[in-house]
């Protein structure tokens, strides 16, 4: 995460190093990830239909589930976790919209009266942080 003179944040926890703190960093001091940080200069605004975004979220969640056994580094550094966090951030921008992931969809069904006993099969791992916005 070294000091580049560029404003950046952690992809997983959105931690922003304070002035001078970034020098020599090799991982996020808050969550420990070694994932490449996000440069603020790369933030963009896009126009997309919510249903299109849901398709991308559901596909990404499913892909991350498929490769989870191939990944190294445990759950804190998994693609599943990253997809859940990114979708959670997007969902938080529009909490009144349908969930962006299948696990979010199942979590929202569980909140409906009379449907609290819905079980998820097929390997989707729920992520409470990502589903908090639903």
N, C-alpha and C. Protein backbone atom coordinates (compact mmCIF):
# COMPACT_ATOMS: atom_id res chain seq x y z
N UNK A 1 0.82 -1.20 0.00
CA UNK A 1 0.00 0.00 0.00
C UNK A 1 0.86 1.26 0.00
N UNK A 2 2.11 1.18 -0.22
CA UNK A 2 3.09 2.26 -0.07
C UNK A 2 2.62 3.67 -0.34
N UNK A 3 3.44 4.65 0.07
CA UNK A 3 3.11 6.06 -0.07
C UNK A 3 3.34 6.50 -1.50
N UNK A 4 2.31 6.86 -2.20
CA UNK A 4 2.40 7.25 -3.59
C UNK A 4 2.07 8.72 -3.79
N UNK A 5 1.70 9.42 -2.75
CA UNK A 5 1.27 10.79 -2.90
C UNK A 5 -0.14 10.89 -3.45
N UNK A 6 -0.78 9.76 -3.66
CA UNK A 6 -2.14 9.70 -4.20
C UNK A 6 -3.08 9.35 -3.06
N UNK A 7 -4.24 9.99 -3.04
CA UNK A 7 -5.24 9.64 -2.03
C UNK A 7 -5.85 8.30 -2.41
N UNK A 8 -5.87 7.38 -1.45
CA UNK A 8 -6.42 6.06 -1.72
C UNK A 8 -7.10 5.51 -0.47
N UNK A 9 -7.83 4.42 -0.68
CA UNK A 9 -8.54 3.76 0.41
C UNK A 9 -8.49 2.25 0.20
N UNK A 10 -8.70 1.52 1.27
CA UNK A 10 -8.70 0.06 1.23
C UNK A 10 -9.95 -0.43 0.51
N UNK A 11 -9.78 -1.42 -0.36
CA UNK A 11 -10.90 -1.98 -1.10
C UNK A 11 -11.87 -2.72 -0.18
N UNK A 12 -11.38 -3.26 0.93
CA UNK A 12 -12.22 -4.06 1.81
C UNK A 12 -12.91 -3.26 2.91
N UNK A 13 -12.17 -2.35 3.55
CA UNK A 13 -12.76 -1.65 4.71
C UNK A 13 -12.85 -0.14 4.53
N UNK A 14 -12.38 0.35 3.38
CA UNK A 14 -12.40 1.78 3.04
C UNK A 14 -11.51 2.63 3.95
N UNK A 15 -10.56 2.02 4.63
CA UNK A 15 -9.62 2.76 5.47
C UNK A 15 -8.80 3.71 4.60
N UNK A 16 -8.65 4.95 5.06
CA UNK A 16 -7.83 5.95 4.37
C UNK A 16 -6.64 6.31 5.26
N UNK A 17 -5.41 6.04 4.79
CA UNK A 17 -4.24 6.41 5.59
C UNK A 17 -4.17 7.92 5.79
N UNK A 18 -3.72 8.29 6.96
CA UNK A 18 -3.53 9.71 7.26
C UNK A 18 -2.21 10.17 6.65
N UNK A 19 -1.99 11.48 6.59
CA UNK A 19 -0.76 12.04 6.01
C UNK A 19 0.46 11.37 6.59
N UNK A 20 1.34 10.89 5.72
CA UNK A 20 2.58 10.27 6.15
C UNK A 20 2.45 8.83 6.60
N UNK A 21 1.26 8.37 6.86
CA UNK A 21 1.05 7.02 7.39
C UNK A 21 1.21 5.94 6.31
N UNK A 22 1.02 6.30 5.06
CA UNK A 22 1.02 5.30 3.99
C UNK A 22 2.41 4.79 3.64
N UNK A 23 3.43 5.53 3.96
CA UNK A 23 4.79 5.15 3.59
C UNK A 23 5.16 3.80 4.20
N UNK A 24 5.56 2.91 3.33
CA UNK A 24 6.01 1.59 3.78
C UNK A 24 4.91 0.58 4.06
N UNK A 25 3.66 0.95 3.90
CA UNK A 25 2.58 0.00 4.16
C UNK A 25 2.61 -1.13 3.13
N UNK A 26 2.43 -2.33 3.59
CA UNK A 26 2.31 -3.48 2.70
C UNK A 26 0.96 -4.15 2.84
N UNK A 27 0.18 -3.69 3.82
CA UNK A 27 -1.17 -4.19 4.02
C UNK A 27 -1.98 -3.12 4.74
N UNK A 28 -3.27 -3.24 4.72
CA UNK A 28 -4.15 -2.28 5.39
C UNK A 28 -3.98 -2.41 6.90
N UNK A 29 -3.69 -1.31 7.60
CA UNK A 29 -3.52 -1.40 9.05
C UNK A 29 -4.82 -1.67 9.80
N UNK A 30 -5.96 -1.48 9.14
CA UNK A 30 -7.24 -1.71 9.82
C UNK A 30 -7.74 -3.14 9.65
N UNK A 31 -7.73 -3.67 8.40
CA UNK A 31 -8.30 -5.00 8.19
C UNK A 31 -7.25 -6.06 7.80
N UNK A 32 -6.04 -5.62 7.48
CA UNK A 32 -4.97 -6.56 7.19
C UNK A 32 -4.88 -7.06 5.76
N UNK A 33 -5.78 -6.63 4.89
CA UNK A 33 -5.73 -7.12 3.52
C UNK A 33 -4.49 -6.60 2.80
N UNK A 34 -4.02 -7.41 1.87
CA UNK A 34 -2.90 -7.02 1.02
C UNK A 34 -3.39 -6.68 -0.38
N UNK A 35 -4.70 -6.59 -0.53
CA UNK A 35 -5.29 -6.27 -1.83
C UNK A 35 -4.88 -4.87 -2.28
N UNK A 36 -4.81 -4.68 -3.57
CA UNK A 36 -4.45 -3.38 -4.13
C UNK A 36 -5.46 -2.33 -3.68
N UNK A 37 -4.98 -1.21 -3.14
CA UNK A 37 -5.90 -0.16 -2.69
C UNK A 37 -6.53 0.57 -3.87
N UNK A 38 -7.59 1.31 -3.58
CA UNK A 38 -8.33 2.05 -4.60
C UNK A 38 -7.87 3.50 -4.62
N UNK A 39 -7.38 3.97 -5.75
CA UNK A 39 -6.98 5.37 -5.90
C UNK A 39 -8.24 6.22 -6.12
N UNK A 40 -8.37 7.29 -5.35
CA UNK A 40 -9.54 8.17 -5.51
C UNK A 40 -9.65 8.71 -6.92
N UNK A 41 -8.52 8.91 -7.60
CA UNK A 41 -8.54 9.44 -8.97
C UNK A 41 -9.20 8.48 -9.95
N UNK A 42 -9.40 7.22 -9.55
CA UNK A 42 -10.03 6.23 -10.42
C UNK A 42 -11.54 6.08 -10.16
N UNK A 43 -12.09 6.83 -9.21
CA UNK A 43 -13.54 6.79 -8.97
C UNK A 43 -14.27 7.35 -10.19
N UNK A 44 -15.36 6.72 -10.57
CA UNK A 44 -16.15 7.16 -11.72
C UNK A 44 -17.63 7.14 -11.37
N UNK A 45 -18.40 7.85 -12.13
CA UNK A 45 -19.85 7.79 -12.04
C UNK A 45 -20.35 7.12 -13.30
N UNK A 46 -21.22 6.12 -13.14
CA UNK A 46 -21.74 5.40 -14.30
C UNK A 46 -23.25 5.43 -14.29
N UNK A 47 -23.82 5.21 -15.44
CA UNK A 47 -25.28 5.08 -15.54
C UNK A 47 -25.58 3.64 -15.91
N UNK A 48 -26.37 2.99 -15.08
CA UNK A 48 -26.70 1.57 -15.29
C UNK A 48 -28.08 1.32 -14.71
N UNK A 49 -28.80 0.42 -15.31
CA UNK A 49 -30.10 0.01 -14.79
C UNK A 49 -29.86 -0.90 -13.59
N UNK A 50 -30.68 -0.76 -12.55
CA UNK A 50 -30.49 -1.56 -11.33
C UNK A 50 -30.53 -3.05 -11.62
N UNK A 51 -31.39 -3.47 -12.54
CA UNK A 51 -31.47 -4.89 -12.88
C UNK A 51 -30.16 -5.37 -13.51
N UNK A 52 -29.53 -4.55 -14.35
CA UNK A 52 -28.24 -4.92 -14.91
C UNK A 52 -27.19 -5.09 -13.81
N UNK A 53 -27.22 -4.18 -12.86
CA UNK A 53 -26.28 -4.25 -11.75
C UNK A 53 -26.53 -5.50 -10.90
N UNK A 54 -27.79 -5.86 -10.71
CA UNK A 54 -28.12 -7.09 -9.99
C UNK A 54 -27.57 -8.31 -10.72
N UNK A 55 -27.69 -8.33 -12.03
CA UNK A 55 -27.16 -9.46 -12.81
C UNK A 55 -25.66 -9.58 -12.58
N UNK A 56 -24.95 -8.45 -12.66
CA UNK A 56 -23.51 -8.48 -12.41
C UNK A 56 -23.17 -8.94 -11.00
N UNK A 57 -23.92 -8.45 -10.02
CA UNK A 57 -23.69 -8.84 -8.63
C UNK A 57 -23.94 -10.31 -8.39
N UNK A 58 -25.03 -10.83 -8.93
CA UNK A 58 -25.37 -12.25 -8.75
C UNK A 58 -24.34 -13.13 -9.46
N UNK A 59 -23.94 -12.74 -10.67
CA UNK A 59 -22.93 -13.52 -11.39
C UNK A 59 -21.59 -13.48 -10.66
N UNK A 60 -21.19 -12.30 -10.18
CA UNK A 60 -19.91 -12.18 -9.47
C UNK A 60 -19.93 -13.01 -8.19
N UNK A 61 -21.04 -12.98 -7.47
CA UNK A 61 -21.14 -13.76 -6.24
C UNK A 61 -21.02 -15.25 -6.55
N UNK A 62 -21.67 -15.68 -7.62
CA UNK A 62 -21.64 -17.10 -8.00
C UNK A 62 -20.23 -17.51 -8.44
N UNK A 63 -19.56 -16.66 -9.22
CA UNK A 63 -18.19 -16.95 -9.65
C UNK A 63 -17.27 -17.06 -8.44
N UNK A 64 -17.39 -16.12 -7.51
CA UNK A 64 -16.55 -16.14 -6.31
C UNK A 64 -16.79 -17.42 -5.51
N UNK A 65 -18.04 -17.88 -5.48
CA UNK A 65 -18.36 -19.13 -4.79
C UNK A 65 -17.68 -20.31 -5.48
N UNK A 66 -17.66 -20.29 -6.80
CA UNK A 66 -17.06 -21.38 -7.57
C UNK A 66 -15.56 -21.50 -7.33
N UNK A 67 -14.86 -20.37 -7.16
CA UNK A 67 -13.39 -20.42 -7.04
C UNK A 67 -12.90 -20.41 -5.60
N UNK A 68 -13.81 -20.38 -4.63
CA UNK A 68 -13.38 -20.22 -3.23
C UNK A 68 -12.40 -21.29 -2.76
N UNK A 69 -12.54 -22.51 -3.24
CA UNK A 69 -11.64 -23.58 -2.79
C UNK A 69 -10.24 -23.45 -3.39
N UNK A 70 -10.12 -22.70 -4.49
CA UNK A 70 -8.83 -22.52 -5.14
C UNK A 70 -8.03 -21.38 -4.53
N UNK A 71 -8.66 -20.52 -3.74
CA UNK A 71 -8.01 -19.33 -3.21
C UNK A 71 -7.17 -19.63 -1.99
N UNK A 72 -6.14 -18.82 -1.82
CA UNK A 72 -5.27 -18.91 -0.65
C UNK A 72 -5.58 -17.75 0.27
N UNK A 73 -5.26 -17.86 1.53
CA UNK A 73 -5.33 -16.72 2.44
C UNK A 73 -6.56 -16.66 3.31
N UNK A 74 -7.46 -17.59 3.23
CA UNK A 74 -8.60 -17.61 4.13
C UNK A 74 -9.70 -16.64 3.76
N UNK A 75 -10.77 -16.67 4.54
CA UNK A 75 -11.98 -15.93 4.22
C UNK A 75 -11.80 -14.42 4.23
N UNK A 76 -10.87 -13.90 5.04
CA UNK A 76 -10.69 -12.45 5.12
C UNK A 76 -10.17 -11.88 3.81
N UNK A 77 -9.53 -12.70 2.99
CA UNK A 77 -8.96 -12.24 1.73
C UNK A 77 -9.62 -12.88 0.52
N UNK A 78 -10.81 -13.39 0.67
CA UNK A 78 -11.43 -14.13 -0.41
C UNK A 78 -12.15 -13.23 -1.42
N UNK A 79 -12.31 -13.77 -2.62
CA UNK A 79 -13.10 -13.07 -3.64
C UNK A 79 -14.55 -12.94 -3.20
N UNK A 80 -15.06 -13.96 -2.50
CA UNK A 80 -16.43 -13.88 -2.00
C UNK A 80 -16.60 -12.67 -1.10
N UNK A 81 -15.66 -12.48 -0.21
CA UNK A 81 -15.72 -11.35 0.72
C UNK A 81 -15.64 -10.03 -0.03
N UNK A 82 -14.75 -9.95 -1.01
CA UNK A 82 -14.60 -8.72 -1.79
C UNK A 82 -15.87 -8.40 -2.56
N UNK A 83 -16.46 -9.40 -3.21
CA UNK A 83 -17.72 -9.17 -3.95
C UNK A 83 -18.81 -8.72 -3.00
N UNK A 84 -18.90 -9.35 -1.84
CA UNK A 84 -19.93 -8.98 -0.86
C UNK A 84 -19.75 -7.54 -0.38
N UNK A 85 -18.52 -7.13 -0.15
CA UNK A 85 -18.25 -5.78 0.33
C UNK A 85 -18.57 -4.75 -0.75
N UNK A 86 -18.14 -5.01 -1.99
CA UNK A 86 -18.42 -4.08 -3.08
C UNK A 86 -19.92 -3.97 -3.31
N UNK A 87 -20.62 -5.09 -3.37
CA UNK A 87 -22.07 -5.06 -3.56
C UNK A 87 -22.76 -4.38 -2.38
N UNK A 88 -22.25 -4.58 -1.18
CA UNK A 88 -22.80 -3.92 0.00
C UNK A 88 -22.68 -2.41 -0.09
N UNK A 89 -21.53 -1.92 -0.58
CA UNK A 89 -21.34 -0.48 -0.74
C UNK A 89 -22.31 0.09 -1.78
N UNK A 90 -22.47 -0.64 -2.88
CA UNK A 90 -23.41 -0.19 -3.91
C UNK A 90 -24.84 -0.22 -3.39
N UNK A 91 -25.19 -1.29 -2.69
CA UNK A 91 -26.54 -1.44 -2.13
C UNK A 91 -26.85 -0.31 -1.15
N UNK A 92 -25.86 0.10 -0.38
CA UNK A 92 -26.06 1.15 0.62
C UNK A 92 -26.42 2.49 -0.03
N UNK A 93 -26.04 2.67 -1.29
CA UNK A 93 -26.38 3.90 -2.00
C UNK A 93 -27.86 3.94 -2.38
N UNK A 94 -28.49 2.76 -2.45
CA UNK A 94 -29.91 2.66 -2.80
C UNK A 94 -30.56 1.55 -1.97
N UNK A 95 -30.69 1.76 -0.66
CA UNK A 95 -31.18 0.69 0.21
C UNK A 95 -32.63 0.28 -0.06
N UNK A 96 -33.37 1.10 -0.78
CA UNK A 96 -34.76 0.77 -1.08
C UNK A 96 -34.90 -0.16 -2.28
N UNK A 97 -33.82 -0.43 -2.98
CA UNK A 97 -33.83 -1.28 -4.17
C UNK A 97 -33.64 -2.75 -3.80
N UNK A 98 -33.96 -3.63 -4.75
CA UNK A 98 -33.78 -5.07 -4.56
C UNK A 98 -32.29 -5.38 -4.31
N UNK A 99 -32.00 -6.40 -3.52
CA UNK A 99 -30.62 -6.77 -3.22
C UNK A 99 -29.82 -7.08 -4.49
N UNK A 100 -28.53 -6.80 -4.45
CA UNK A 100 -27.65 -7.00 -5.60
C UNK A 100 -27.06 -8.40 -5.68
N UNK A 101 -27.25 -9.21 -4.65
CA UNK A 101 -26.70 -10.56 -4.64
C UNK A 101 -27.79 -11.56 -4.28
N UNK A 102 -27.55 -12.81 -4.64
CA UNK A 102 -28.51 -13.85 -4.29
C UNK A 102 -28.57 -14.03 -2.78
N UNK A 103 -27.43 -13.94 -2.09
CA UNK A 103 -27.46 -14.07 -0.64
C UNK A 103 -28.23 -12.91 -0.02
N UNK A 104 -28.15 -11.73 -0.61
CA UNK A 104 -28.94 -10.59 -0.15
C UNK A 104 -30.43 -10.81 -0.38
N UNK A 105 -30.76 -11.42 -1.50
CA UNK A 105 -32.15 -11.74 -1.82
C UNK A 105 -32.72 -12.72 -0.80
N UNK A 106 -31.95 -13.75 -0.48
CA UNK A 106 -32.39 -14.74 0.51
C UNK A 106 -32.54 -14.07 1.88
N UNK A 107 -31.58 -13.22 2.25
CA UNK A 107 -31.66 -12.52 3.54
C UNK A 107 -32.90 -11.65 3.62
N UNK A 108 -33.26 -11.00 2.50
CA UNK A 108 -34.47 -10.15 2.52
C UNK A 108 -35.73 -11.00 2.61
N UNK A 109 -35.73 -12.18 2.02
CA UNK A 109 -36.88 -13.09 2.13
C UNK A 109 -37.08 -13.52 3.58
N UNK A 110 -35.98 -13.75 4.28
CA UNK A 110 -36.06 -14.19 5.67
C UNK A 110 -36.68 -13.12 6.57
N UNK A 111 -36.64 -11.88 6.14
CA UNK A 111 -37.21 -10.79 6.93
C UNK A 111 -38.71 -10.63 6.71
N UNK A 112 -39.25 -11.32 5.72
CA UNK A 112 -40.68 -11.23 5.44
C UNK A 112 -41.47 -12.07 6.44
N UNK A 113 -42.63 -11.57 6.86
CA UNK A 113 -43.45 -12.34 7.81
C UNK A 113 -43.80 -13.73 7.26
N UNK A 114 -43.61 -14.74 8.09
CA UNK A 114 -43.97 -16.10 7.72
C UNK A 114 -42.94 -16.82 6.86
N UNK A 115 -41.83 -16.17 6.55
CA UNK A 115 -40.84 -16.80 5.68
C UNK A 115 -39.47 -16.84 6.37
N UNK A 116 -39.42 -16.75 7.65
CA UNK A 116 -38.15 -16.67 8.36
C UNK A 116 -37.34 -17.96 8.32
N UNK A 117 -37.95 -19.06 7.90
CA UNK A 117 -37.23 -20.33 7.92
C UNK A 117 -36.66 -20.71 6.55
N UNK A 118 -36.51 -19.77 5.64
CA UNK A 118 -35.93 -20.05 4.33
C UNK A 118 -34.48 -20.46 4.52
N UNK A 119 -34.10 -21.58 3.89
CA UNK A 119 -32.72 -22.04 3.97
C UNK A 119 -32.07 -21.86 2.61
N UNK A 120 -30.79 -21.58 2.65
CA UNK A 120 -30.05 -21.39 1.42
C UNK A 120 -29.24 -22.65 1.15
N UNK A 121 -29.35 -23.17 -0.08
CA UNK A 121 -28.56 -24.32 -0.49
C UNK A 121 -27.79 -23.94 -1.74
N UNK A 122 -26.85 -24.76 -2.11
CA UNK A 122 -26.08 -24.48 -3.31
C UNK A 122 -24.80 -23.75 -3.05
N UNK A 123 -24.48 -23.49 -1.79
CA UNK A 123 -23.17 -22.98 -1.46
C UNK A 123 -23.03 -21.48 -1.31
N UNK A 124 -24.08 -20.70 -1.49
CA UNK A 124 -23.93 -19.26 -1.31
C UNK A 124 -23.68 -18.97 0.16
N UNK A 125 -22.64 -18.19 0.43
CA UNK A 125 -22.34 -17.78 1.79
C UNK A 125 -22.90 -16.39 2.01
N UNK A 126 -23.70 -16.24 3.03
CA UNK A 126 -24.23 -14.93 3.34
C UNK A 126 -23.15 -14.08 3.99
N UNK A 127 -23.21 -12.81 3.74
CA UNK A 127 -22.28 -11.86 4.34
C UNK A 127 -23.11 -10.75 4.97
N UNK A 128 -23.17 -10.74 6.29
CA UNK A 128 -24.03 -9.78 6.98
C UNK A 128 -23.68 -8.34 6.64
N UNK A 129 -22.40 -8.05 6.49
CA UNK A 129 -21.99 -6.68 6.18
C UNK A 129 -22.59 -6.23 4.84
N UNK A 130 -22.55 -7.10 3.85
CA UNK A 130 -23.08 -6.74 2.54
C UNK A 130 -24.59 -6.69 2.54
N UNK A 131 -25.23 -7.48 3.39
CA UNK A 131 -26.68 -7.54 3.38
C UNK A 131 -27.34 -6.58 4.37
N UNK A 132 -26.54 -5.85 5.15
CA UNK A 132 -27.09 -4.91 6.11
C UNK A 132 -27.91 -3.83 5.44
N UNK A 133 -27.58 -3.48 4.20
CA UNK A 133 -28.26 -2.40 3.50
C UNK A 133 -29.63 -2.83 2.98
N UNK A 134 -29.92 -4.14 2.97
CA UNK A 134 -31.19 -4.58 2.40
C UNK A 134 -32.33 -4.42 3.37
